Amino acid sequence: MTRLYARAPGGARIHEGVPEGNWKILTILGAMSTRGMIAAMTVEAATDREIFLTFLDEVLCPALQPGDVVIMDNLSSHKVDGVRQRIHARRYPSEQRTLLCQCI
């Protein structure tokens, strides 16, 4: 952020450069457990439905083990159709299903 006001000696003006707006978005998706980091992915875009489902299919779900708990925040891409099904499709015995929690 650029300052809107500055101090200068009496009657003098402040001349300061302002950075250009050439920013890029870098999203870091990750999952950690008591075993440490189990999944991580970076994308040069904002997280949307397609990116999050790809993260689940290619990175997170293969790293899950029986009894793991998946906790997600209230991001809209976490609530799309297919998230719960992908996590539960890991084919664990019913007593060892991966638990999915939605945190608000």
N, C-alpha and C. Protein backbone atom coordinates (compact mmCIF):
# COMPACT_ATOMS: atom_id res chain seq x y z
N MET A 1 0.84 -1.17 0.00
CA MET A 1 0.00 0.00 0.00
C MET A 1 0.89 1.24 0.00
N THR A 2 0.45 2.23 -0.67
CA THR A 2 1.19 3.47 -0.79
C THR A 2 0.64 4.49 0.18
N ARG A 3 1.55 5.20 0.82
CA ARG A 3 1.11 6.25 1.74
C ARG A 3 0.44 7.38 0.98
N LEU A 4 -0.58 7.93 1.60
CA LEU A 4 -1.27 9.06 0.99
C LEU A 4 -0.73 10.40 1.49
N TYR A 5 -0.07 10.40 2.65
CA TYR A 5 0.44 11.63 3.25
C TYR A 5 1.88 11.41 3.71
N ALA A 6 2.66 12.50 3.74
CA ALA A 6 4.05 12.43 4.21
C ALA A 6 4.42 13.78 4.83
N ARG A 7 5.51 13.78 5.57
CA ARG A 7 6.01 15.02 6.18
C ARG A 7 7.19 15.55 5.38
N ALA A 8 7.23 16.86 5.26
CA ALA A 8 8.33 17.52 4.53
C ALA A 8 8.63 18.83 5.23
N PRO A 9 9.86 19.35 5.02
CA PRO A 9 10.16 20.67 5.58
C PRO A 9 9.18 21.71 5.06
N GLY A 10 8.95 22.78 5.80
CA GLY A 10 7.98 23.81 5.46
C GLY A 10 8.03 24.23 4.00
N GLY A 11 6.90 24.14 3.29
CA GLY A 11 6.78 24.58 1.92
C GLY A 11 7.30 23.61 0.87
N ALA A 12 7.94 22.51 1.25
CA ALA A 12 8.50 21.55 0.28
C ALA A 12 7.49 20.44 0.00
N ARG A 13 7.59 19.87 -1.18
CA ARG A 13 6.73 18.76 -1.57
C ARG A 13 7.52 17.45 -1.48
N ILE A 14 6.79 16.38 -1.27
CA ILE A 14 7.40 15.05 -1.26
C ILE A 14 7.19 14.42 -2.63
N HIS A 15 8.24 13.87 -3.21
CA HIS A 15 8.17 13.15 -4.48
C HIS A 15 8.67 11.73 -4.22
N GLU A 16 7.80 10.77 -4.41
CA GLU A 16 8.14 9.38 -4.10
C GLU A 16 7.60 8.48 -5.19
N GLY A 17 8.36 7.45 -5.51
CA GLY A 17 7.93 6.48 -6.51
C GLY A 17 6.87 5.55 -5.96
N VAL A 18 6.02 5.04 -6.86
CA VAL A 18 4.97 4.09 -6.49
C VAL A 18 5.15 2.85 -7.35
N PRO A 19 5.13 1.67 -6.75
CA PRO A 19 5.32 0.46 -7.56
C PRO A 19 4.16 0.24 -8.53
N GLU A 20 4.48 -0.34 -9.66
CA GLU A 20 3.46 -0.67 -10.65
C GLU A 20 2.58 -1.81 -10.13
N GLY A 21 1.45 -1.99 -10.71
CA GLY A 21 0.53 -3.04 -10.30
C GLY A 21 0.69 -4.32 -11.08
N ASN A 22 1.90 -4.83 -11.22
CA ASN A 22 2.16 -6.06 -11.96
C ASN A 22 2.19 -7.26 -11.02
N TRP A 23 1.15 -7.43 -10.24
CA TRP A 23 1.12 -8.49 -9.25
C TRP A 23 0.59 -9.77 -9.88
N LYS A 24 1.04 -10.89 -9.35
CA LYS A 24 0.55 -12.19 -9.79
C LYS A 24 -0.01 -12.92 -8.57
N ILE A 25 -1.00 -13.74 -8.81
CA ILE A 25 -1.61 -14.53 -7.74
C ILE A 25 -0.88 -15.86 -7.65
N LEU A 26 -0.48 -16.24 -6.44
CA LEU A 26 0.13 -17.54 -6.19
C LEU A 26 -0.64 -18.18 -5.06
N THR A 27 -1.30 -19.29 -5.33
CA THR A 27 -2.08 -20.00 -4.32
C THR A 27 -1.29 -21.22 -3.86
N ILE A 28 -1.22 -21.40 -2.55
CA ILE A 28 -0.56 -22.57 -1.97
C ILE A 28 -1.62 -23.39 -1.26
N LEU A 29 -1.83 -24.60 -1.73
CA LEU A 29 -2.76 -25.53 -1.11
C LEU A 29 -1.94 -26.56 -0.36
N GLY A 30 -2.34 -26.87 0.86
CA GLY A 30 -1.56 -27.83 1.63
C GLY A 30 -2.39 -28.57 2.64
N ALA A 31 -1.84 -29.66 3.12
CA ALA A 31 -2.48 -30.46 4.16
C ALA A 31 -1.40 -30.96 5.11
N MET A 32 -1.69 -30.87 6.39
CA MET A 32 -0.72 -31.34 7.38
C MET A 32 -1.41 -32.27 8.37
N SER A 33 -0.62 -33.11 8.98
CA SER A 33 -1.15 -34.04 9.97
C SER A 33 -0.10 -34.18 11.07
N THR A 34 -0.34 -35.08 11.97
CA THR A 34 0.65 -35.33 13.02
C THR A 34 1.91 -35.96 12.43
N ARG A 35 1.82 -36.46 11.21
CA ARG A 35 2.99 -37.01 10.51
C ARG A 35 3.78 -35.92 9.78
N GLY A 36 3.29 -34.69 9.79
CA GLY A 36 3.93 -33.58 9.08
C GLY A 36 3.11 -33.17 7.87
N MET A 37 3.75 -32.48 6.93
CA MET A 37 3.07 -32.08 5.69
C MET A 37 2.85 -33.33 4.84
N ILE A 38 1.60 -33.58 4.47
CA ILE A 38 1.31 -34.77 3.68
C ILE A 38 0.95 -34.44 2.24
N ALA A 39 0.60 -33.17 1.98
CA ALA A 39 0.23 -32.79 0.61
C ALA A 39 0.46 -31.30 0.43
N ALA A 40 0.99 -30.90 -0.71
CA ALA A 40 1.18 -29.49 -1.02
C ALA A 40 1.14 -29.29 -2.53
N MET A 41 0.57 -28.15 -2.94
CA MET A 41 0.48 -27.83 -4.36
C MET A 41 0.44 -26.31 -4.50
N THR A 42 1.14 -25.77 -5.47
CA THR A 42 1.08 -24.33 -5.75
C THR A 42 0.53 -24.13 -7.15
N VAL A 43 -0.25 -23.06 -7.30
CA VAL A 43 -0.89 -22.74 -8.57
C VAL A 43 -0.82 -21.24 -8.77
N GLU A 44 -0.50 -20.79 -9.98
CA GLU A 44 -0.48 -19.36 -10.28
C GLU A 44 -1.87 -18.91 -10.72
N ALA A 45 -2.83 -19.05 -9.84
CA ALA A 45 -4.21 -18.64 -10.09
C ALA A 45 -4.96 -18.67 -8.76
N ALA A 46 -6.14 -18.07 -8.76
CA ALA A 46 -6.98 -18.14 -7.57
C ALA A 46 -7.60 -19.53 -7.49
N THR A 47 -7.89 -19.98 -6.27
CA THR A 47 -8.48 -21.30 -6.09
C THR A 47 -9.94 -21.28 -6.51
N ASP A 48 -10.29 -22.15 -7.44
CA ASP A 48 -11.68 -22.30 -7.85
C ASP A 48 -12.04 -23.78 -7.77
N ARG A 49 -13.21 -24.12 -8.23
CA ARG A 49 -13.71 -25.49 -8.15
C ARG A 49 -12.76 -26.47 -8.84
N GLU A 50 -12.37 -26.14 -10.04
CA GLU A 50 -11.53 -27.04 -10.84
C GLU A 50 -10.16 -27.28 -10.20
N ILE A 51 -9.54 -26.23 -9.71
CA ILE A 51 -8.23 -26.35 -9.07
C ILE A 51 -8.32 -27.16 -7.79
N PHE A 52 -9.34 -26.91 -6.97
CA PHE A 52 -9.45 -27.63 -5.71
C PHE A 52 -9.75 -29.11 -5.94
N LEU A 53 -10.61 -29.43 -6.90
CA LEU A 53 -10.88 -30.83 -7.18
C LEU A 53 -9.65 -31.55 -7.73
N THR A 54 -8.84 -30.85 -8.51
CA THR A 54 -7.59 -31.42 -9.00
C THR A 54 -6.63 -31.69 -7.85
N PHE A 55 -6.57 -30.74 -6.89
CA PHE A 55 -5.74 -30.94 -5.69
C PHE A 55 -6.20 -32.19 -4.93
N LEU A 56 -7.51 -32.38 -4.81
CA LEU A 56 -8.01 -33.57 -4.12
C LEU A 56 -7.63 -34.84 -4.86
N ASP A 57 -7.88 -34.86 -6.17
CA ASP A 57 -7.64 -36.07 -6.97
C ASP A 57 -6.17 -36.44 -7.07
N GLU A 58 -5.33 -35.47 -7.31
CA GLU A 58 -3.93 -35.73 -7.61
C GLU A 58 -2.99 -35.69 -6.41
N VAL A 59 -3.35 -34.94 -5.36
CA VAL A 59 -2.40 -34.72 -4.27
C VAL A 59 -2.91 -35.22 -2.92
N LEU A 60 -4.06 -34.73 -2.48
CA LEU A 60 -4.51 -35.03 -1.12
C LEU A 60 -5.03 -36.44 -0.95
N CYS A 61 -6.00 -36.86 -1.75
CA CYS A 61 -6.61 -38.17 -1.55
C CYS A 61 -5.61 -39.33 -1.62
N PRO A 62 -4.64 -39.33 -2.52
CA PRO A 62 -3.67 -40.42 -2.50
C PRO A 62 -2.81 -40.44 -1.23
N ALA A 63 -2.71 -39.31 -0.53
CA ALA A 63 -1.88 -39.25 0.68
C ALA A 63 -2.65 -39.58 1.95
N LEU A 64 -3.97 -39.67 1.87
CA LEU A 64 -4.77 -39.96 3.06
C LEU A 64 -4.60 -41.40 3.51
N GLN A 65 -4.65 -41.58 4.83
CA GLN A 65 -4.58 -42.91 5.43
C GLN A 65 -5.83 -43.15 6.24
N PRO A 66 -6.16 -44.42 6.53
CA PRO A 66 -7.35 -44.70 7.34
C PRO A 66 -7.31 -43.93 8.66
N GLY A 67 -8.45 -43.36 9.02
CA GLY A 67 -8.55 -42.63 10.27
C GLY A 67 -8.18 -41.17 10.18
N ASP A 68 -7.69 -40.69 9.03
CA ASP A 68 -7.35 -39.28 8.88
C ASP A 68 -8.61 -38.42 8.95
N VAL A 69 -8.49 -37.23 9.50
CA VAL A 69 -9.58 -36.28 9.58
C VAL A 69 -9.26 -35.13 8.64
N VAL A 70 -10.19 -34.78 7.77
CA VAL A 70 -10.01 -33.68 6.84
C VAL A 70 -10.85 -32.52 7.33
N ILE A 71 -10.20 -31.38 7.61
CA ILE A 71 -10.89 -30.18 8.09
C ILE A 71 -10.66 -29.08 7.08
N MET A 72 -11.76 -28.44 6.63
CA MET A 72 -11.66 -27.35 5.66
C MET A 72 -12.38 -26.13 6.21
N ASP A 73 -11.95 -24.97 5.76
CA ASP A 73 -12.63 -23.75 6.19
C ASP A 73 -13.84 -23.48 5.29
N ASN A 74 -14.35 -22.27 5.32
CA ASN A 74 -15.60 -21.94 4.65
C ASN A 74 -15.40 -21.40 3.24
N LEU A 75 -14.28 -21.66 2.60
CA LEU A 75 -14.03 -21.20 1.23
C LEU A 75 -15.04 -21.84 0.28
N SER A 76 -15.54 -21.07 -0.66
CA SER A 76 -16.60 -21.58 -1.54
C SER A 76 -16.15 -22.78 -2.36
N SER A 77 -14.89 -22.86 -2.74
CA SER A 77 -14.43 -24.00 -3.52
C SER A 77 -14.38 -25.28 -2.69
N HIS A 78 -14.41 -25.19 -1.37
CA HIS A 78 -14.45 -26.37 -0.52
C HIS A 78 -15.86 -26.97 -0.45
N LYS A 79 -16.87 -26.20 -0.88
CA LYS A 79 -18.26 -26.63 -0.74
C LYS A 79 -18.89 -27.10 -2.04
N VAL A 80 -18.10 -27.28 -3.08
CA VAL A 80 -18.67 -27.68 -4.37
C VAL A 80 -19.01 -29.17 -4.36
N ASP A 81 -19.87 -29.56 -5.29
CA ASP A 81 -20.24 -30.98 -5.41
C ASP A 81 -19.01 -31.80 -5.78
N GLY A 82 -18.85 -32.92 -5.12
CA GLY A 82 -17.77 -33.84 -5.44
C GLY A 82 -16.65 -33.87 -4.41
N VAL A 83 -16.56 -32.89 -3.53
CA VAL A 83 -15.48 -32.88 -2.54
C VAL A 83 -15.64 -34.04 -1.57
N ARG A 84 -16.79 -34.13 -0.94
CA ARG A 84 -17.03 -35.19 0.04
C ARG A 84 -16.93 -36.57 -0.62
N GLN A 85 -17.46 -36.71 -1.83
CA GLN A 85 -17.43 -38.00 -2.51
C GLN A 85 -15.99 -38.43 -2.81
N ARG A 86 -15.16 -37.50 -3.21
CA ARG A 86 -13.77 -37.85 -3.53
C ARG A 86 -13.02 -38.31 -2.29
N ILE A 87 -13.26 -37.65 -1.17
CA ILE A 87 -12.55 -38.02 0.06
C ILE A 87 -13.05 -39.37 0.57
N HIS A 88 -14.35 -39.60 0.52
CA HIS A 88 -14.91 -40.86 1.01
C HIS A 88 -14.70 -42.01 0.04
N ALA A 89 -14.32 -41.75 -1.17
CA ALA A 89 -14.12 -42.80 -2.16
C ALA A 89 -12.81 -43.55 -1.98
N ARG A 90 -12.14 -43.33 -0.89
CA ARG A 90 -10.85 -43.98 -0.65
C ARG A 90 -10.99 -45.46 -0.30
N ARG A 91 -12.19 -45.98 -0.25
CA ARG A 91 -12.46 -47.41 -0.08
C ARG A 91 -11.87 -48.00 1.20
N TYR A 92 -12.03 -47.29 2.31
CA TYR A 92 -11.61 -47.82 3.60
C TYR A 92 -12.76 -48.61 4.20
N PRO A 93 -12.48 -49.54 5.10
CA PRO A 93 -13.58 -50.19 5.82
C PRO A 93 -14.42 -49.14 6.53
N SER A 94 -15.71 -49.41 6.67
CA SER A 94 -16.63 -48.40 7.18
C SER A 94 -16.24 -47.88 8.55
N GLU A 95 -15.63 -48.70 9.42
CA GLU A 95 -15.25 -48.21 10.74
C GLU A 95 -13.99 -47.35 10.70
N GLN A 96 -13.30 -47.34 9.58
CA GLN A 96 -12.08 -46.55 9.47
C GLN A 96 -12.21 -45.48 8.39
N ARG A 97 -13.43 -45.04 8.10
CA ARG A 97 -13.64 -44.02 7.06
C ARG A 97 -12.92 -42.74 7.44
N THR A 98 -12.46 -42.02 6.44
CA THR A 98 -11.85 -40.72 6.67
C THR A 98 -12.97 -39.74 7.04
N LEU A 99 -12.77 -39.00 8.11
CA LEU A 99 -13.79 -38.08 8.59
C LEU A 99 -13.60 -36.73 7.91
N LEU A 100 -14.70 -36.14 7.46
CA LEU A 100 -14.67 -34.84 6.80
C LEU A 100 -15.43 -33.85 7.67
N CYS A 101 -14.76 -32.78 8.08
CA CYS A 101 -15.38 -31.76 8.93
C CYS A 101 -15.40 -30.43 8.20
N GLN A 102 -16.48 -29.69 8.36
CA GLN A 102 -16.58 -28.35 7.79
C GLN A 102 -16.49 -27.35 8.94
N CYS A 103 -15.47 -26.53 8.93
CA CYS A 103 -15.28 -25.52 9.98
C CYS A 103 -15.81 -24.18 9.49
N ILE A 104 -16.50 -23.49 10.34
CA ILE A 104 -17.04 -22.17 9.97
C ILE A 104 -16.42 -21.13 10.88
